Each structure stands twice: as C-alpha cells, then as structure tokens.
Amino acid sequence: MKKLDRLILKSFLGPLLLTFAIAVFVLLMQFVWKYIDDLVGKGLEFSVIMELLMYASATFVPMALPIAVLFASIMTMGNFGEKYELVAMKAGGISLSRMMLPMAMIATLLMGIAFYFSNNVLPVAMYKYRTTLYDIQRKKPAVSIRPSEYYDEIDGYVIRVNRKDPDGRTLRDIIIYDHTQGINRTSIIVADHGYMQSTPDDKYLVFTLKDGYTYNELQDGEYYKTRPLTSIGFDEQILTFDISSFSFQKSDDQFFAHHYQMLNVSQLDSTVGALEHNLDLRFEELSNSTMASFKVYKKYQERNDKYQSQYLDINKALANDMSKRKEVYDLARSSASSNANNIQMYSQMISSDKEYINRHYIELMRKFTLSVACLLLFLIGAPFGSIVRKGGLGLPLVASVVFFVMYYVIGMISEKSVRESATGPIGMWVSTFVFIPIGALLTWQATTDSSFFDLATWKKWLSIKGKVKKEITDTQSSISEIPPSMEESSD
C-alpha cells in the first residue's frame, strides 16, 4: 500500500468511526426518550436496561452506517481541499478518482458488511429488542407505598398509610380497602401499626397488622338485612398480596418469531410467496361466494324452445303471479344487499392482506437499499467535499444532514406509497434513483474541476456583478445631473 493510500485511509477512518458512534448514540437517545415512561419507576435491574439498550443500538446500525460514510467522505475531501493537499495531489499527476479509490473500497466493504448485518444479525437483534421491550412494558411499577397517599396498583386493594418509619417497613395508621369479593362486599381493615416485607422470591408482599379492626359491609346476600355491617377486632393479622406481576419475566421466545422484521431475505421471500398464494385464495373465495348467490334464481328460469336457448324474461313469466313476483323481488334485494356486504367485507380483508404483504416487501427491499446507500452517499459526499473544499465540523455536518434528510424523506414517501399499494416494491428504490444522477453530476463536476459549485467562484461572480451594476447606476446618475444649459450649448 502506498503512503498516499495510508494517508487517505487514516484521514477517512477517524471521522467514519466517530460519526458512526455519534449517529448510534443520537438514535439511541431518541429511543430512550420515546420509552422513558416504560423504563423509569419499575425497579428494573441494570443488566436488563443495558441488554435492551444493546439490542436497540444494534437495530440502528444499518441507518447509522450511511450517515457515517457521508459525513466522513465530505470531511476528508474537504480537509484535503482546504489544506491544499488536494491541489498538491493533482499537481503530482494523481486524478480525483485515484484519490477516492481507497475510500471507495472501504465504502464497498461497508456496503457488504451492512447487508450481512441486515440479513443475519439485525433479525436476531430486532427479535431480542422487541421481546425485551415487551416484557418491560408488561412489568408493573415497583411497589412504592408512600405516606398519606392511596396506593391502588395491587389488583383488588387500595392501601393508605399515614406514616412510614425510616426503616421503610414499619407503617403507622394503616387502612386497607379490600374489593376482591365484589362491589357489594367491601371489607375495610384498619390497624394502628404494622410491618411490610416481601418474600425472598419477590412474588408476595406480606403485611403483619397489629391492633386493628376488620369491617365487613354487605349490600346483598343472606345476612344483608340482619347484619349489614360487622366488625371484628384483632391483635395481629397477616395479609398476603400476590405481586408476581410486578417482577420482570421473560415471555415465550417464539412470541415475535414470525414478525416480518425478524426474518432474513430467504425467509421473507418464502413468506411473501405463501401470503400471495393465500391472497389468491381470498379472491377465489370472493368469486365463489358472489356467484353462489345467483344460483337461487334457477327455479325461476324457465326454458322455452321457441326462444332459441334464451331464458324467458322474468317479468313476463311472472306477470300473472304477483305473490311469486314479490318473492322474486324480495329475494333479489336480499341477495344484492348480501353481496354488497360480502364484497365490502372481502375488500377490507384483501386490503389488509395486501398491506401486510407490502410490509414484507418493504422490509425485504430495505435490506438492500440501506446497504447500497453506503456506496451511494459516498459517491455524493466525496465529490461534494472536493468541490467546496471546506473541512472541519461545520459545513460537512450541515451538508451531511441536508443530504441524508433528503434521502430519508424521499425514502419515507416512497415507503408509504409501497405500503398503500400505490407503487410496487420497486418504489423502495426511488431515493436511490433520485440520488444516482446527483452523485453522477457531482462526480463529473469534481473530476473536470468545474467551478459551478465553488463558493469562491460564486462570491467573485456576485462581487463583479455588483460592481458592474454600481458603475452603471453611477453613470446613469451622472448623466441625469448634467445642467440643461450645457446640453443646449453642446447642440
């Protein structure tokens, strides 16, 4: 490897790794803020939270890689141009395409890595991420009974304590409302003090109550009129609450196994084939159910030889039988209404099936489009950086955001059109087709040393235009200031 290649790779790999880490971190922070309510206040172990963040970070890799390649290519070529290293390389007889070759090889390698990751690693990471997040969302908040507040997170009970000792387990002035027997059988337990502790497996919460009363209020039943309210005093009473739903439990490993985001290319292809076959069967069911309703008219169709294999007009055949005629009309209206409802129902089912199939196509195409984006955005970033010749973090960052937002917005619009069956699966490549001419134009401008995108050229052109405009204005004003006497004398 030549020294020039090592210099270019060293200048390219640093910003690439830094930008990739920043992009993953930003996407991860967006995820954390989105699900912050599901993570806070549930007493989750640190290992569970880190496991979720690790799987979530892995799902952002296919999107972060194109951003990193775009930013690193703009920054690298911009630094070369700003420090006149680009001019020195061209003076030494090295073309721009030769300078871009080492970075292009890295971008091509990243394209292959991105596809392998999307096809093999991403489905597993997405599956683990969705399963862990689902388990966390199912977990109830940790038991936290605060003084002078009503706590109703335990099913069937409402608990209120007036004071709580510093040890965290001794409670004072306890009131427990028990609704487990139904709304017509309410029990209220009042205790002077007590102790709260959970079992070692954290499945049960045990209350040991001291010096209290249990009040039972009946609004129906056998003893409703004679004993509507009873009270029982106690020196000590032990209550056990089931809090197993408050613990973190992993769900079945196969819960999300067949979701389209958890499938690789071959699995998506086979699944789409099966779904399209089922859609064809749905169309066949609609056709059969619609045609079956017309068979009921057979008993009203009379054959007549003199009409040469034509059926008699039903109005003429039933002209003298009003009751039979009314029966036929009622049957026709009923059949038409039934067919309309049947067609509407099948239409909704078919539309839902198509959207589900399209989501599989979207996921299938995304594995290719995001991989190709690594090379595509490099072919835009490197020429753009060599044209503007501005390094650092300012312009490259702004340009990277603008280009990627354009790519992302076009991709989202095309994805929606594919999901709604406005276009076929090829619609997922619209953003790629849009950016290929842009990349080709930038590459041509950069290789031919065109000044069309050079900011200095535009500034110089605008300054010259301003000076010319000012001279014309000054000349016109000087002409308008000539006295009339001078004009007559000249005549």
Protein backbone atom coordinates (compact mmCIF):
# COMPACT_ATOMS: atom_id res chain seq x y z
CA MET A 1 0.00 0.00 0.00
CA LYS A 2 1.35 3.42 -0.95
CA LYS A 3 1.90 6.18 1.59
CA LEU A 4 -0.78 8.25 -0.11
CA ASP A 5 -3.33 5.47 0.36
CA ARG A 6 -2.43 5.17 4.02
CA LEU A 7 -2.80 8.92 4.47
CA ILE A 8 -6.22 8.93 2.83
CA LEU A 9 -7.44 5.91 4.81
CA LYS A 10 -6.14 7.38 8.06
CA SER A 11 -7.93 10.64 7.34
CA PHE A 12 -11.12 8.79 6.39
CA LEU A 13 -11.41 6.11 9.08
CA GLY A 14 -11.17 8.51 12.03
CA PRO A 15 -14.22 10.63 11.12
CA LEU A 16 -16.01 7.47 9.97
CA LEU A 17 -15.77 5.75 13.34
CA LEU A 18 -16.50 8.96 15.26
CA THR A 19 -19.57 9.79 13.18
CA PHE A 20 -20.84 6.23 13.38
CA ALA A 21 -20.61 6.28 17.18
CA ILE A 22 -22.33 9.67 17.37
CA ALA A 23 -25.12 8.59 15.00
CA VAL A 24 -25.83 5.43 17.01
CA PHE A 25 -25.75 7.46 20.24
CA VAL A 26 -28.20 10.07 18.91
CA LEU A 27 -30.61 7.40 17.65
CA LEU A 28 -30.29 5.59 20.98
CA MET A 29 -31.13 8.77 22.92
CA GLN A 30 -34.19 9.24 20.74
CA PHE A 31 -35.24 5.70 21.64
CA VAL A 32 -34.65 6.32 25.36
CA TRP A 33 -36.78 9.48 25.38
CA LYS A 34 -39.53 7.67 23.50
CA TYR A 35 -39.76 4.83 26.03
CA ILE A 36 -38.62 6.68 29.16
CA ASP A 37 -42.01 6.13 30.84
CA ASP A 38 -41.67 2.37 30.41
CA LEU A 39 -38.18 2.26 31.95
CA VAL A 40 -38.48 4.55 34.96
CA GLY A 41 -40.06 3.57 38.26
CA LYS A 42 -40.23 -0.18 37.70
CA GLY A 43 -37.20 -1.25 39.71
CA LEU A 44 -35.50 -2.84 36.69
CA GLU A 45 -32.08 -4.35 37.13
CA PHE A 46 -29.19 -2.54 35.48
CA SER A 47 -28.38 -5.62 33.41
CA VAL A 48 -31.90 -5.66 31.91
CA ILE A 49 -31.70 -2.00 30.89
CA MET A 50 -28.24 -2.46 29.37
CA GLU A 51 -29.43 -5.54 27.49
CA LEU A 52 -32.31 -3.53 26.00
CA LEU A 53 -30.02 -0.64 25.02
CA MET A 54 -27.53 -3.04 23.45
CA TYR A 55 -30.18 -4.68 21.27
CA ALA A 56 -31.67 -1.29 20.39
CA SER A 57 -28.24 0.03 19.37
CA ALA A 58 -27.76 -2.96 17.07
CA THR A 59 -31.00 -2.13 15.25
CA PHE A 60 -29.68 1.37 14.43
CA VAL A 61 -26.51 0.15 12.71
CA PRO A 62 -27.94 -0.09 9.13
CA MET A 63 -29.11 3.54 9.31
CA ALA A 64 -26.02 4.90 11.08
CA LEU A 65 -23.54 3.46 8.57
CA PRO A 66 -24.69 5.56 5.55
CA ILE A 67 -24.67 8.72 7.71
CA ALA A 68 -21.13 7.98 8.85
CA VAL A 69 -19.86 7.30 5.32
CA LEU A 70 -21.46 10.51 4.00
CA PHE A 71 -20.05 12.73 6.75
CA ALA A 72 -16.58 11.14 6.72
CA SER A 73 -16.23 11.44 2.93
CA ILE A 74 -17.27 15.12 2.91
CA MET A 75 -14.98 15.93 5.84
CA THR A 76 -11.97 14.06 4.44
CA MET A 77 -12.08 15.56 0.95
CA GLY A 78 -12.96 18.97 2.38
CA ASN A 79 -9.90 18.87 4.64
CA PHE A 80 -7.68 17.92 1.70
CA GLY A 81 -9.06 20.82 -0.32
CA GLU A 82 -8.86 23.37 2.50
CA LYS A 83 -5.22 22.50 3.26
CA TYR A 84 -4.30 22.48 -0.46
CA GLU A 85 -3.36 18.81 -0.24
CA LEU A 86 -5.89 18.14 -2.99
CA VAL A 87 -4.09 20.61 -5.28
CA ALA A 88 -0.74 19.01 -4.45
CA MET A 89 -2.03 15.55 -5.32
CA LYS A 90 -3.42 16.78 -8.64
CA ALA A 91 -0.15 18.56 -9.37
CA GLY A 92 1.62 15.25 -8.83
CA GLY A 93 -0.48 13.67 -11.58
CA ILE A 94 -2.96 11.86 -9.31
CA SER A 95 -6.54 12.08 -10.51
CA LEU A 96 -9.51 12.59 -8.23
CA SER A 97 -10.81 9.10 -8.96
CA ARG A 98 -7.47 7.66 -7.84
CA MET A 99 -7.67 9.66 -4.61
CA MET A 100 -11.18 8.39 -3.96
CA LEU A 101 -10.24 4.76 -4.66
CA PRO A 102 -9.13 3.80 -1.09
CA MET A 103 -12.26 5.36 0.41
CA ALA A 104 -14.42 3.75 -2.28
CA MET A 105 -13.01 0.35 -1.33
CA ILE A 106 -13.90 0.98 2.33
CA ALA A 107 -17.40 2.13 1.31
CA THR A 108 -17.85 -1.00 -0.81
CA LEU A 109 -16.68 -3.17 2.07
CA LEU A 110 -19.12 -1.40 4.40
CA MET A 111 -21.90 -2.00 1.88
CA GLY A 112 -21.24 -5.74 2.08
CA ILE A 113 -20.97 -5.62 5.88
CA ALA A 114 -24.22 -3.65 6.09
CA PHE A 115 -26.08 -6.22 4.00
CA TYR A 116 -24.67 -9.12 6.03
CA PHE A 117 -25.63 -7.33 9.22
CA SER A 118 -29.15 -6.55 7.97
CA ASN A 119 -29.69 -10.11 6.77
CA ASN A 120 -28.18 -12.12 9.61
CA VAL A 121 -27.61 -10.00 12.72
CA LEU A 122 -30.44 -7.47 12.55
CA PRO A 123 -33.32 -10.01 12.65
CA VAL A 124 -31.91 -11.57 15.82
CA ALA A 125 -31.19 -8.18 17.42
CA MET A 126 -34.65 -6.90 16.48
CA TYR A 127 -36.25 -10.02 17.91
CA LYS A 128 -34.38 -9.71 21.21
CA TYR A 129 -35.09 -5.99 21.36
CA ARG A 130 -38.83 -6.33 20.75
CA THR A 131 -39.14 -9.22 23.22
CA THR A 132 -37.23 -7.42 25.98
CA LEU A 133 -39.16 -4.18 25.45
CA TYR A 134 -42.47 -6.06 25.52
CA ASP A 135 -41.52 -7.75 28.80
CA ILE A 136 -40.53 -4.40 30.32
CA GLN A 137 -43.79 -2.78 29.21
CA ARG A 138 -45.77 -5.61 30.80
CA LYS A 139 -43.98 -5.19 34.13
CA LYS A 140 -45.87 -3.09 36.65
CA PRO A 141 -44.15 -0.26 38.54
CA ALA A 142 -42.25 -1.30 41.65
CA VAL A 143 -44.27 -1.39 44.87
CA SER A 144 -43.91 2.06 46.38
CA ILE A 145 -46.37 2.86 49.15
CA ARG A 146 -45.85 6.47 50.20
CA PRO A 147 -47.32 8.13 53.32
CA SER A 148 -50.70 9.91 53.03
CA GLU A 149 -51.29 8.56 49.52
CA TYR A 150 -53.72 5.95 48.24
CA TYR A 151 -51.92 3.07 46.53
CA ASP A 152 -54.07 1.05 44.11
CA GLU A 153 -51.53 -0.81 41.93
CA ILE A 154 -52.30 -4.16 43.62
CA ASP A 155 -55.41 -5.62 41.99
CA GLY A 156 -58.46 -5.53 44.25
CA TYR A 157 -56.86 -3.48 47.03
CA VAL A 158 -56.40 0.18 47.94
CA ILE A 159 -53.85 0.87 50.70
CA ARG A 160 -53.22 4.05 52.64
CA VAL A 161 -50.72 4.63 55.46
CA ASN A 162 -50.43 7.82 57.47
CA ARG A 163 -46.77 7.49 58.44
CA LYS A 164 -43.79 5.39 57.45
CA ASP A 165 -40.79 4.87 59.74
CA PRO A 166 -37.24 5.47 58.46
CA ASP A 167 -36.61 1.70 58.23
CA GLY A 168 -39.02 1.57 55.29
CA ARG A 169 -41.02 -1.39 56.59
CA THR A 170 -42.82 -0.12 59.73
CA LEU A 171 -46.16 1.53 58.92
CA ARG A 172 -48.47 3.62 61.12
CA ASP A 173 -52.26 4.23 60.88
CA ILE A 174 -52.97 1.71 58.16
CA ILE A 175 -56.22 1.50 56.13
CA ILE A 176 -56.73 -1.29 53.56
CA TYR A 177 -59.81 -1.43 51.30
CA ASP A 178 -60.49 -4.97 50.07
CA HIS A 179 -62.63 -5.17 46.88
CA THR A 180 -61.72 -8.73 45.94
CA GLN A 181 -65.18 -10.08 46.89
CA GLY A 182 -67.02 -7.73 44.56
CA ILE A 183 -68.51 -4.27 44.76
CA ASN A 184 -71.33 -5.39 47.06
CA ARG A 185 -68.98 -6.95 49.64
CA THR A 186 -66.46 -4.36 50.78
CA SER A 187 -64.02 -5.05 53.60
CA ILE A 188 -62.07 -2.31 55.35
CA ILE A 189 -59.11 -3.18 57.55
CA VAL A 190 -57.86 -0.55 60.00
CA ALA A 191 -54.72 -1.11 62.07
CA ASP A 192 -52.72 1.02 64.46
CA HIS A 193 -49.38 -0.11 63.04
CA GLY A 194 -47.81 -2.95 61.14
CA TYR A 195 -44.88 -4.29 59.18
CA MET A 196 -44.39 -4.74 55.43
CA GLN A 197 -41.97 -7.16 53.78
CA SER A 198 -41.72 -9.20 50.61
CA THR A 199 -40.90 -12.89 50.26
CA PRO A 200 -37.39 -13.86 49.09
CA ASP A 201 -38.68 -14.66 45.57
CA ASP A 202 -40.46 -11.24 45.37
CA LYS A 203 -43.75 -12.92 44.44
CA TYR A 204 -45.71 -11.95 47.56
CA LEU A 205 -45.98 -8.87 49.77
CA VAL A 206 -46.72 -9.71 53.43
CA PHE A 207 -48.42 -7.25 55.79
CA THR A 208 -48.34 -8.02 59.53
CA LEU A 209 -51.01 -5.79 61.09
CA LYS A 210 -51.25 -5.01 64.82
CA ASP A 211 -54.17 -3.78 66.99
CA GLY A 212 -56.94 -3.21 64.48
CA TYR A 213 -60.42 -3.95 63.24
CA THR A 214 -61.93 -5.54 60.16
CA TYR A 215 -65.22 -4.03 58.94
CA ASN A 216 -67.37 -6.03 56.50
CA GLU A 217 -70.19 -4.19 54.74
CA LEU A 218 -72.85 -6.22 52.89
CA GLN A 219 -75.25 -4.77 50.32
CA ASP A 220 -76.88 -8.07 49.31
CA GLY A 221 -76.89 -11.73 50.31
CA GLU A 222 -78.43 -13.83 53.09
CA TYR A 223 -77.41 -11.61 56.05
CA TYR A 224 -77.86 -8.26 54.32
CA LYS A 225 -80.84 -7.06 56.38
CA THR A 226 -79.92 -8.52 59.76
CA ARG A 227 -76.16 -7.90 59.73
CA PRO A 228 -75.32 -5.30 57.03
CA LEU A 229 -72.17 -4.24 58.90
CA THR A 230 -69.91 -6.37 61.09
CA SER A 231 -66.66 -5.52 62.83
CA ILE A 232 -64.03 -7.90 64.14
CA GLY A 233 -61.15 -6.81 66.33
CA PHE A 234 -57.71 -8.42 66.17
CA ASP A 235 -54.39 -8.20 67.91
CA GLU A 236 -52.47 -9.43 64.90
CA GLN A 237 -53.48 -10.20 61.33
CA ILE A 238 -51.34 -11.27 58.40
CA LEU A 239 -52.29 -10.33 54.83
CA THR A 240 -50.53 -11.69 51.77
CA PHE A 241 -50.70 -9.89 48.41
CA ASP A 242 -49.72 -11.50 45.12
CA ILE A 243 -47.19 -9.21 43.40
CA SER A 244 -45.79 -11.71 40.89
CA SER A 245 -46.92 -9.40 38.06
CA PHE A 246 -44.55 -6.72 39.42
CA SER A 247 -41.49 -8.86 38.70
CA PHE A 248 -39.68 -8.91 35.38
CA GLN A 249 -40.49 -12.13 33.49
CA LYS A 250 -39.30 -13.08 30.04
CA SER A 251 -42.03 -14.09 27.61
CA ASP A 252 -42.07 -17.03 25.25
CA ASP A 253 -39.14 -16.98 22.83
CA GLN A 254 -41.47 -17.65 19.89
CA PHE A 255 -43.81 -14.72 20.57
CA PHE A 256 -42.33 -12.44 17.86
CA ALA A 257 -40.56 -15.13 15.86
CA HIS A 258 -42.68 -14.77 12.69
CA HIS A 259 -42.80 -10.96 12.55
CA TYR A 260 -41.51 -9.60 9.24
CA GLN A 261 -38.76 -7.58 10.95
CA MET A 262 -37.33 -10.78 12.42
CA LEU A 263 -36.87 -12.56 9.07
CA ASN A 264 -33.91 -12.68 6.72
CA VAL A 265 -34.04 -12.41 2.92
CA SER A 266 -34.79 -16.07 2.19
CA GLN A 267 -37.43 -16.24 4.92
CA LEU A 268 -39.07 -13.04 3.69
CA ASP A 269 -39.11 -14.36 0.13
CA SER A 270 -40.77 -17.65 1.11
CA THR A 271 -43.23 -15.88 3.44
CA VAL A 272 -44.25 -13.44 0.69
CA GLY A 273 -44.89 -16.37 -1.67
CA ALA A 274 -47.17 -18.06 0.87
CA LEU A 275 -49.02 -14.81 1.61
CA GLU A 276 -49.62 -14.10 -2.07
CA HIS A 277 -50.97 -17.63 -2.50
CA ASN A 278 -53.38 -17.00 0.37
CA LEU A 279 -54.40 -13.72 -1.26
CA ASP A 280 -55.24 -15.57 -4.49
CA LEU A 281 -57.37 -17.98 -2.48
CA ARG A 282 -59.15 -14.98 -0.91
CA PHE A 283 -60.04 -13.66 -4.38
CA GLU A 284 -61.29 -17.11 -5.34
CA GLU A 285 -63.46 -17.26 -2.21
CA LEU A 286 -64.97 -13.88 -3.09
CA SER A 287 -65.74 -15.01 -6.63
CA ASN A 288 -67.33 -18.28 -5.46
CA SER A 289 -69.43 -16.65 -2.75
CA THR A 290 -70.68 -13.98 -5.17
CA MET A 291 -71.59 -16.46 -7.92
CA ALA A 292 -73.29 -18.80 -5.47
CA SER A 293 -75.95 -16.18 -4.70
CA PHE A 294 -77.11 -16.20 -8.32
CA LYS A 295 -77.86 -19.93 -8.28
CA VAL A 296 -81.04 -19.32 -6.28
CA TYR A 297 -82.66 -17.94 -9.41
CA LYS A 298 -82.54 -21.28 -11.20
CA LYS A 299 -86.00 -22.24 -10.07
CA TYR A 300 -87.40 -19.07 -11.71
CA GLN A 301 -85.66 -19.56 -15.03
CA GLU A 302 -87.87 -21.43 -17.49
CA ARG A 303 -86.58 -22.74 -20.76
CA ASN A 304 -88.59 -22.23 -23.96
CA ASP A 305 -87.59 -23.87 -27.24
CA LYS A 306 -89.11 -21.21 -29.49
CA TYR A 307 -86.77 -18.55 -27.97
CA GLN A 308 -83.73 -20.49 -29.24
CA SER A 309 -81.97 -21.29 -25.96
CA GLN A 310 -82.87 -17.94 -24.39
CA TYR A 311 -84.41 -17.61 -20.96
CA LEU A 312 -87.84 -16.03 -20.67
CA ASP A 313 -87.94 -12.51 -19.32
CA ILE A 314 -88.73 -12.90 -15.63
CA ASN A 315 -91.27 -10.08 -15.65
CA LYS A 316 -93.25 -11.76 -18.45
CA ALA A 317 -93.00 -15.19 -16.86
CA LEU A 318 -94.37 -13.96 -13.54
CA ALA A 319 -96.77 -11.28 -14.84
CA ASN A 320 -99.87 -13.12 -13.60
CA ASP A 321 -98.45 -14.29 -10.26
CA MET A 322 -97.98 -11.21 -8.06
CA SER A 323 -97.07 -13.16 -4.93
CA LYS A 324 -94.37 -15.08 -6.77
CA ARG A 325 -93.19 -11.86 -8.39
CA LYS A 326 -92.92 -10.15 -4.97
CA GLU A 327 -91.00 -13.15 -3.69
CA VAL A 328 -88.53 -12.83 -6.56
CA TYR A 329 -88.03 -9.10 -5.98
CA ASP A 330 -87.52 -9.57 -2.25
CA LEU A 331 -85.03 -12.31 -2.94
CA ALA A 332 -83.20 -10.06 -5.42
CA ARG A 333 -82.98 -7.20 -2.94
CA SER A 334 -81.80 -9.52 -0.19
CA SER A 335 -79.22 -11.11 -2.47
CA ALA A 336 -77.95 -7.72 -3.68
CA SER A 337 -77.59 -6.44 -0.11
CA SER A 338 -75.85 -9.65 0.95
CA ASN A 339 -73.47 -9.44 -1.99
CA ALA A 340 -72.67 -5.79 -1.24
CA ASN A 341 -71.86 -6.58 2.37
CA ASN A 342 -69.86 -9.63 1.35
CA ILE A 343 -67.85 -7.65 -1.21
CA GLN A 344 -67.19 -4.89 1.34
CA MET A 345 -66.01 -7.42 3.92
CA TYR A 346 -63.72 -9.18 1.43
CA SER A 347 -62.47 -5.82 0.18
CA GLN A 348 -61.32 -4.87 3.68
CA MET A 349 -59.73 -8.28 4.20
CA ILE A 350 -57.92 -8.14 0.85
CA SER A 351 -56.72 -4.58 1.54
CA SER A 352 -55.38 -5.67 4.92
CA ASP A 353 -53.69 -8.72 3.37
CA LYS A 354 -52.08 -6.55 0.67
CA GLU A 355 -50.74 -4.10 3.22
CA TYR A 356 -49.30 -6.97 5.25
CA ILE A 357 -47.61 -8.37 2.14
CA ASN A 358 -46.30 -4.92 1.23
CA ARG A 359 -44.72 -4.59 4.68
CA HIS A 360 -42.77 -7.78 3.95
CA TYR A 361 -41.65 -6.33 0.61
CA ILE A 362 -40.62 -3.09 2.33
CA GLU A 363 -38.50 -4.96 4.86
CA LEU A 364 -37.01 -7.10 2.09
CA MET A 365 -36.07 -4.08 -0.06
CA ARG A 366 -34.79 -2.09 2.92
CA LYS A 367 -32.04 -4.65 3.49
CA PHE A 368 -30.71 -3.81 0.02
CA THR A 369 -31.41 -0.07 -0.14
CA LEU A 370 -29.70 0.80 3.16
CA SER A 371 -26.69 -1.31 2.12
CA VAL A 372 -26.41 0.38 -1.29
CA ALA A 373 -26.81 3.76 0.45
CA CYS A 374 -23.31 3.35 1.95
CA LEU A 375 -21.72 3.45 -1.51
CA LEU A 376 -24.27 5.86 -2.99
CA LEU A 377 -23.81 8.53 -0.31
CA PHE A 378 -20.04 8.15 -0.56
CA LEU A 379 -20.25 8.96 -4.29
CA ILE A 380 -22.10 12.13 -3.29
CA GLY A 381 -20.05 13.10 -0.24
CA ALA A 382 -16.53 12.70 -1.66
CA PRO A 383 -17.07 14.83 -4.82
CA PHE A 384 -19.03 17.40 -2.82
CA GLY A 385 -16.19 17.73 -0.30
CA SER A 386 -13.59 18.15 -3.05
CA ILE A 387 -15.72 20.87 -4.67
CA VAL A 388 -16.50 23.00 -1.61
CA ARG A 389 -13.02 22.45 -0.08
CA LYS A 390 -14.17 23.12 3.46
CA GLY A 391 -13.15 20.77 6.28
CA GLY A 392 -13.81 20.76 9.99
CA LEU A 393 -17.19 20.01 11.51
CA GLY A 394 -19.28 22.95 10.30
CA LEU A 395 -20.03 22.61 6.60
CA PRO A 396 -19.57 18.81 6.41
CA LEU A 397 -22.05 18.32 9.25
CA VAL A 398 -24.64 20.67 7.71
CA ALA A 399 -24.21 19.14 4.25
CA SER A 400 -24.44 15.60 5.65
CA VAL A 401 -27.66 16.41 7.50
CA VAL A 402 -29.19 18.04 4.40
CA PHE A 403 -28.29 15.19 2.06
CA PHE A 404 -29.39 12.46 4.47
CA VAL A 405 -32.65 14.22 5.36
CA MET A 406 -33.42 14.46 1.64
CA TYR A 407 -32.62 10.78 1.21
CA TYR A 408 -34.66 9.82 4.28
CA VAL A 409 -37.71 11.94 3.40
CA ILE A 410 -37.84 10.59 -0.16
CA GLY A 411 -37.46 7.09 1.26
CA MET A 412 -40.33 7.60 3.71
CA ILE A 413 -42.63 8.91 0.97
CA SER A 414 -41.80 6.01 -1.32
CA GLU A 415 -42.23 3.54 1.57
CA LYS A 416 -45.71 4.88 2.24
CA SER A 417 -46.63 4.55 -1.43
CA VAL A 418 -45.46 0.93 -1.43
CA ARG A 419 -47.35 0.18 1.79
CA GLU A 420 -50.56 1.60 0.31
CA SER A 421 -50.04 -0.30 -2.99
CA ALA A 422 -49.67 2.96 -4.96
CA THR A 423 -46.43 1.57 -6.37
CA GLY A 424 -44.80 -1.84 -6.46
CA PRO A 425 -41.85 -2.96 -4.32
CA ILE A 426 -39.55 -1.14 -6.75
CA GLY A 427 -40.81 2.07 -5.16
CA MET A 428 -38.42 1.48 -2.27
CA TRP A 429 -35.59 2.35 -4.68
CA VAL A 430 -36.92 5.82 -5.56
CA SER A 431 -34.49 7.61 -3.24
CA THR A 432 -31.63 5.63 -4.79
CA PHE A 433 -32.77 6.50 -8.32
CA VAL A 434 -33.03 10.18 -7.34
CA PHE A 435 -29.56 10.35 -5.81
CA ILE A 436 -27.71 8.47 -8.59
CA PRO A 437 -27.94 11.44 -11.03
CA ILE A 438 -26.94 13.83 -8.22
CA GLY A 439 -23.88 11.71 -7.45
CA ALA A 440 -23.00 11.46 -11.15
CA LEU A 441 -23.32 15.24 -11.55
CA LEU A 442 -21.15 15.97 -8.51
CA THR A 443 -18.54 13.43 -9.62
CA TRP A 444 -18.41 14.95 -13.11
CA GLN A 445 -18.10 18.47 -11.70
CA ALA A 446 -15.32 17.36 -9.34
CA THR A 447 -13.29 15.41 -11.91
CA THR A 448 -13.48 18.20 -14.52
CA ASP A 449 -12.56 20.88 -11.94
CA SER A 450 -15.75 22.75 -12.71
CA SER A 451 -16.33 25.88 -10.63
CA PHE A 452 -20.12 25.64 -10.72
CA PHE A 453 -20.32 24.52 -7.06
CA ASP A 454 -17.30 26.51 -5.89
CA LEU A 455 -18.36 29.07 -3.28
CA ALA A 456 -15.39 31.31 -4.04
CA THR A 457 -16.38 31.47 -7.71
CA TRP A 458 -19.94 32.43 -6.84
CA LYS A 459 -18.70 35.11 -4.41
CA LYS A 460 -16.36 36.50 -7.05
CA TRP A 461 -19.10 36.45 -9.69
CA LEU A 462 -21.56 38.16 -7.38
CA SER A 463 -18.99 40.82 -6.43
CA ILE A 464 -18.21 41.51 -10.10
CA LYS A 465 -21.90 41.70 -10.90
CA GLY A 466 -22.39 44.12 -8.01
CA LYS A 467 -19.54 46.35 -9.18
CA VAL A 468 -20.85 46.44 -12.75
CA LYS A 469 -24.33 47.27 -11.52
CA LYS A 470 -22.92 50.04 -9.31
CA GLU A 471 -20.91 51.55 -12.22
CA ILE A 472 -24.00 51.55 -14.44
CA THR A 473 -26.01 53.24 -11.69
CA ASP A 474 -23.31 55.84 -11.13
CA THR A 475 -23.09 56.57 -14.88
CA GLN A 476 -26.84 57.00 -15.16
CA SER A 477 -26.91 59.31 -12.15
CA SER A 478 -24.03 61.43 -13.54
CA ILE A 479 -25.80 61.81 -16.87
CA SER A 480 -29.01 62.88 -15.18
CA GLU A 481 -27.08 65.60 -13.26
CA ILE A 482 -25.86 67.46 -16.45
CA PRO A 483 -27.37 71.06 -16.48
CA PRO A 484 -29.77 71.92 -19.31
CA SER A 485 -27.57 74.89 -20.40
CA MET A 486 -24.67 72.55 -21.10
CA GLU A 487 -26.91 70.33 -23.17
CA GLU A 488 -28.10 73.35 -25.28
CA SER A 489 -24.56 74.66 -25.77
CA SER A 490 -23.47 71.28 -26.98
CA ASP A 491 -26.24 71.42 -29.52
